[in-house]
């Protein structure tokens, strides 16, 4: 698989925060390993597109992919510090 492009980022934004089919919650991954929520990615779309186009990892906006948060119930957005929803990690644990 090749380098994540600005076009892929914009397509992922257009597709929405939930994967189809299944409705699983997605988020973006930055080059420094941080998570970026859909809301923060939309709000900072110009910064992200610029960082991807220029391959500039210095500001923390270089997105390298979009993934589903399957089970990490402690995943927070590096920009907003808001919790990123998980598909299965927030389920009540049975005794």
N, C-alpha and C. Protein backbone atom coordinates (compact mmCIF):
# COMPACT_ATOMS: atom_id res chain seq x y z
N UNK A 1 0.84 -1.17 0.00
CA UNK A 1 0.00 0.00 0.00
C UNK A 1 0.89 1.23 0.00
N UNK A 2 0.52 2.20 -0.79
CA UNK A 2 1.32 3.41 -0.93
C UNK A 2 1.06 4.42 0.17
N UNK A 3 1.67 5.55 -0.01
CA UNK A 3 1.55 6.65 0.94
C UNK A 3 0.12 7.17 0.97
N UNK A 4 -0.38 7.50 2.15
CA UNK A 4 -1.71 8.08 2.34
C UNK A 4 -1.70 9.47 1.72
N UNK A 5 -2.67 9.75 0.87
CA UNK A 5 -2.69 11.01 0.14
C UNK A 5 -3.76 11.97 0.66
N UNK A 6 -3.64 13.22 0.25
CA UNK A 6 -4.65 14.23 0.61
C UNK A 6 -6.01 13.84 0.03
N UNK A 7 -6.01 13.23 -1.15
CA UNK A 7 -7.26 12.79 -1.76
C UNK A 7 -7.93 11.70 -0.94
N UNK A 8 -7.13 10.77 -0.42
CA UNK A 8 -7.68 9.72 0.43
C UNK A 8 -8.25 10.32 1.73
N UNK A 9 -7.53 11.28 2.30
CA UNK A 9 -8.00 11.94 3.50
C UNK A 9 -9.35 12.61 3.25
N UNK A 10 -9.45 13.36 2.16
CA UNK A 10 -10.70 14.05 1.85
C UNK A 10 -11.83 13.05 1.58
N UNK A 11 -11.52 11.95 0.93
CA UNK A 11 -12.51 10.90 0.70
C UNK A 11 -12.98 10.30 2.02
N UNK A 12 -12.03 10.01 2.92
CA UNK A 12 -12.39 9.48 4.24
C UNK A 12 -13.26 10.45 5.02
N UNK A 13 -12.98 11.75 4.92
CA UNK A 13 -13.83 12.75 5.57
C UNK A 13 -15.24 12.71 5.00
N UNK A 14 -15.34 12.61 3.68
CA UNK A 14 -16.64 12.59 3.01
C UNK A 14 -17.43 11.34 3.37
N UNK A 15 -16.74 10.21 3.55
CA UNK A 15 -17.40 8.96 3.88
C UNK A 15 -18.02 8.98 5.28
N UNK A 16 -17.51 9.84 6.15
CA UNK A 16 -18.07 9.97 7.49
C UNK A 16 -17.30 9.21 8.55
N UNK A 17 -17.68 9.47 9.80
CA UNK A 17 -16.93 8.92 10.92
C UNK A 17 -17.22 7.45 11.19
N UNK A 18 -18.22 6.89 10.53
CA UNK A 18 -18.55 5.48 10.73
C UNK A 18 -18.33 4.70 9.44
N UNK A 19 -17.66 3.55 9.56
CA UNK A 19 -17.38 2.70 8.40
C UNK A 19 -18.67 2.09 7.89
N UNK A 20 -18.73 1.91 6.57
CA UNK A 20 -19.88 1.26 5.96
C UNK A 20 -19.38 0.05 5.19
N UNK A 21 -19.98 -1.11 5.37
CA UNK A 21 -21.09 -1.39 6.28
C UNK A 21 -20.57 -1.62 7.70
N UNK A 22 -21.45 -1.72 8.62
CA UNK A 22 -21.12 -2.05 9.99
C UNK A 22 -21.26 -0.92 10.98
N UNK A 23 -21.03 0.31 10.53
CA UNK A 23 -21.17 1.45 11.42
C UNK A 23 -20.10 1.54 12.49
N UNK A 24 -18.91 1.01 12.22
CA UNK A 24 -17.84 1.04 13.20
C UNK A 24 -17.18 2.43 13.23
N UNK A 25 -16.85 2.94 14.42
CA UNK A 25 -16.27 4.28 14.55
C UNK A 25 -14.83 4.34 14.02
N UNK A 26 -14.57 5.36 13.20
CA UNK A 26 -13.23 5.52 12.62
C UNK A 26 -12.57 6.78 13.17
N UNK A 27 -11.27 6.81 13.04
CA UNK A 27 -10.47 7.96 13.45
C UNK A 27 -9.23 8.01 12.56
N UNK A 28 -8.51 9.10 12.65
CA UNK A 28 -7.30 9.28 11.84
C UNK A 28 -6.06 9.06 12.71
N UNK A 29 -5.00 8.58 12.09
CA UNK A 29 -3.73 8.36 12.76
C UNK A 29 -2.71 9.33 12.16
N UNK A 30 -1.97 10.01 13.04
CA UNK A 30 -0.95 10.95 12.56
C UNK A 30 0.42 10.27 12.54
N UNK A 31 1.36 10.90 11.88
CA UNK A 31 2.69 10.31 11.72
C UNK A 31 3.43 10.12 13.03
N UNK A 32 3.02 10.85 14.07
CA UNK A 32 3.67 10.67 15.37
C UNK A 32 2.91 9.68 16.26
N UNK A 33 1.96 8.94 15.67
CA UNK A 33 1.25 7.89 16.37
C UNK A 33 0.05 8.35 17.19
N UNK A 34 -0.32 9.60 17.05
CA UNK A 34 -1.47 10.13 17.79
C UNK A 34 -2.77 9.85 17.04
N UNK A 35 -3.87 9.92 17.78
CA UNK A 35 -5.20 9.75 17.21
C UNK A 35 -5.82 11.12 16.99
N UNK A 36 -6.57 11.24 15.92
CA UNK A 36 -7.26 12.49 15.59
C UNK A 36 -8.72 12.14 15.27
N UNK A 37 -9.63 12.75 16.00
CA UNK A 37 -11.05 12.46 15.80
C UNK A 37 -11.54 13.06 14.47
N UNK A 38 -12.68 12.57 14.01
CA UNK A 38 -13.27 13.11 12.79
C UNK A 38 -13.58 14.59 12.93
N UNK A 39 -14.07 14.97 14.10
CA UNK A 39 -14.43 16.37 14.33
C UNK A 39 -13.21 17.27 14.22
N UNK A 40 -12.11 16.86 14.83
CA UNK A 40 -10.88 17.66 14.77
C UNK A 40 -10.29 17.66 13.37
N UNK A 41 -10.38 16.53 12.68
CA UNK A 41 -9.89 16.47 11.31
C UNK A 41 -10.69 17.41 10.40
N UNK A 42 -11.99 17.44 10.58
CA UNK A 42 -12.82 18.34 9.78
C UNK A 42 -12.51 19.80 10.10
N UNK A 43 -12.39 20.10 11.39
CA UNK A 43 -12.13 21.46 11.83
C UNK A 43 -10.78 21.96 11.33
N UNK A 44 -9.81 21.07 11.22
CA UNK A 44 -8.44 21.42 10.82
C UNK A 44 -8.07 20.85 9.45
N UNK A 45 -9.07 20.69 8.62
CA UNK A 45 -8.90 20.07 7.30
C UNK A 45 -7.78 20.72 6.48
N UNK A 46 -7.71 22.03 6.46
CA UNK A 46 -6.68 22.71 5.67
C UNK A 46 -5.28 22.41 6.19
N UNK A 47 -5.12 22.36 7.52
CA UNK A 47 -3.82 22.03 8.09
C UNK A 47 -3.41 20.61 7.75
N UNK A 48 -4.37 19.68 7.81
CA UNK A 48 -4.08 18.28 7.51
C UNK A 48 -3.71 18.11 6.04
N UNK A 49 -4.50 18.69 5.15
CA UNK A 49 -4.22 18.57 3.71
C UNK A 49 -2.85 19.16 3.39
N UNK A 50 -2.53 20.31 3.97
CA UNK A 50 -1.24 20.95 3.75
C UNK A 50 -0.10 20.06 4.26
N UNK A 51 -0.25 19.49 5.45
CA UNK A 51 0.78 18.62 6.01
C UNK A 51 0.99 17.37 5.16
N UNK A 52 -0.10 16.79 4.67
CA UNK A 52 0.01 15.60 3.81
C UNK A 52 0.70 15.96 2.50
N UNK A 53 0.25 17.04 1.88
CA UNK A 53 0.81 17.47 0.59
C UNK A 53 2.30 17.79 0.70
N UNK A 54 2.68 18.49 1.78
CA UNK A 54 4.07 18.90 1.97
C UNK A 54 4.91 17.86 2.72
N UNK A 55 4.27 16.74 3.13
CA UNK A 55 4.94 15.72 3.93
C UNK A 55 5.61 16.35 5.15
N UNK A 56 4.88 17.23 5.82
CA UNK A 56 5.39 18.00 6.96
C UNK A 56 4.87 17.41 8.26
N UNK A 57 5.76 16.75 8.98
CA UNK A 57 5.36 16.10 10.23
C UNK A 57 5.65 16.97 11.45
N UNK A 58 6.11 18.19 11.26
CA UNK A 58 6.53 19.02 12.39
C UNK A 58 5.37 19.56 13.22
N UNK A 59 4.20 19.75 12.65
CA UNK A 59 3.09 20.36 13.39
C UNK A 59 2.11 19.37 14.00
N UNK A 60 2.30 18.08 13.75
CA UNK A 60 1.39 17.08 14.29
C UNK A 60 0.14 16.84 13.47
N UNK A 61 0.06 17.42 12.27
CA UNK A 61 -1.15 17.28 11.45
C UNK A 61 -0.97 16.31 10.28
N UNK A 62 0.19 15.66 10.19
CA UNK A 62 0.43 14.74 9.08
C UNK A 62 -0.30 13.43 9.33
N UNK A 63 -1.46 13.30 8.70
CA UNK A 63 -2.28 12.09 8.82
C UNK A 63 -1.74 11.04 7.87
N UNK A 64 -1.58 9.81 8.39
CA UNK A 64 -1.04 8.73 7.58
C UNK A 64 -2.04 7.61 7.34
N UNK A 65 -3.24 7.74 7.92
CA UNK A 65 -4.25 6.72 7.69
C UNK A 65 -5.52 6.95 8.47
N UNK A 66 -6.50 6.14 8.15
CA UNK A 66 -7.80 6.18 8.80
C UNK A 66 -8.12 4.75 9.22
N UNK A 67 -8.46 4.57 10.50
CA UNK A 67 -8.67 3.23 11.04
C UNK A 67 -9.96 3.16 11.85
N UNK A 68 -10.38 1.94 12.12
CA UNK A 68 -11.53 1.70 12.99
C UNK A 68 -11.00 1.52 14.42
N UNK A 69 -11.67 2.14 15.36
CA UNK A 69 -11.33 1.92 16.76
C UNK A 69 -12.17 0.75 17.26
N UNK A 70 -11.56 -0.43 17.22
CA UNK A 70 -12.29 -1.63 17.59
C UNK A 70 -12.55 -1.72 19.08
N UNK A 71 -11.50 -1.62 19.91
CA UNK A 71 -11.67 -1.93 21.32
C UNK A 71 -11.00 -0.97 22.29
N UNK A 72 -10.36 0.07 21.82
CA UNK A 72 -9.62 0.96 22.73
C UNK A 72 -10.58 1.96 23.37
N UNK A 73 -11.00 1.65 24.58
CA UNK A 73 -11.94 2.52 25.28
C UNK A 73 -11.24 3.69 25.96
N UNK A 74 -9.92 3.77 25.78
CA UNK A 74 -9.14 4.88 26.35
C UNK A 74 -8.41 5.65 25.26
N UNK A 75 -9.01 5.75 24.08
CA UNK A 75 -8.42 6.47 22.95
C UNK A 75 -8.98 7.89 22.94
N UNK A 76 -8.08 8.87 22.98
CA UNK A 76 -8.48 10.27 23.01
C UNK A 76 -7.85 11.03 21.86
N UNK A 77 -8.55 12.02 21.37
CA UNK A 77 -8.07 12.86 20.28
C UNK A 77 -6.92 13.74 20.78
N UNK A 78 -5.83 13.78 20.03
CA UNK A 78 -4.67 14.59 20.40
C UNK A 78 -4.96 16.08 20.31
N UNK A 79 -5.92 16.47 19.51
CA UNK A 79 -6.26 17.88 19.35
C UNK A 79 -7.27 18.35 20.38
N UNK A 80 -8.39 17.66 20.48
CA UNK A 80 -9.49 18.12 21.33
C UNK A 80 -9.48 17.48 22.73
N UNK A 81 -8.73 16.41 22.88
CA UNK A 81 -8.69 15.62 24.10
C UNK A 81 -10.04 14.98 24.44
N UNK A 82 -10.91 14.86 23.43
CA UNK A 82 -12.19 14.18 23.62
C UNK A 82 -12.03 12.70 23.31
N UNK A 83 -12.79 11.89 24.03
CA UNK A 83 -12.75 10.44 23.85
C UNK A 83 -13.25 10.07 22.46
N UNK A 84 -12.54 9.13 21.82
CA UNK A 84 -12.94 8.62 20.51
C UNK A 84 -13.68 7.30 20.76
N UNK A 85 -14.89 7.25 20.29
CA UNK A 85 -15.77 6.08 20.48
C UNK A 85 -15.10 4.80 19.96
N UNK A 86 -15.34 3.70 20.67
CA UNK A 86 -14.84 2.40 20.21
C UNK A 86 -16.02 1.49 19.87
N UNK A 87 -15.76 0.51 19.01
CA UNK A 87 -16.83 -0.40 18.60
C UNK A 87 -17.22 -1.36 19.72
N UNK A 88 -16.23 -1.90 20.42
CA UNK A 88 -16.50 -2.93 21.42
C UNK A 88 -15.89 -2.66 22.79
N UNK A 89 -14.98 -1.73 22.91
CA UNK A 89 -14.25 -1.51 24.16
C UNK A 89 -15.07 -0.90 25.27
N UNK A 90 -16.20 -0.28 24.97
CA UNK A 90 -16.98 0.39 25.98
C UNK A 90 -18.10 -0.49 26.55
N UNK A 91 -18.19 -1.71 26.11
CA UNK A 91 -19.23 -2.60 26.59
C UNK A 91 -19.00 -2.91 28.06
N UNK A 92 -20.07 -3.04 28.81
CA UNK A 92 -19.94 -3.39 30.22
C UNK A 92 -19.28 -4.76 30.33
N UNK A 93 -18.30 -4.84 31.21
CA UNK A 93 -17.61 -6.12 31.41
C UNK A 93 -18.45 -7.01 32.33
N UNK A 94 -18.58 -8.26 31.92
CA UNK A 94 -19.36 -9.20 32.72
C UNK A 94 -18.44 -9.83 33.77
N UNK A 95 -18.98 -10.10 34.92
CA UNK A 95 -18.19 -10.70 36.00
C UNK A 95 -18.01 -12.18 35.77
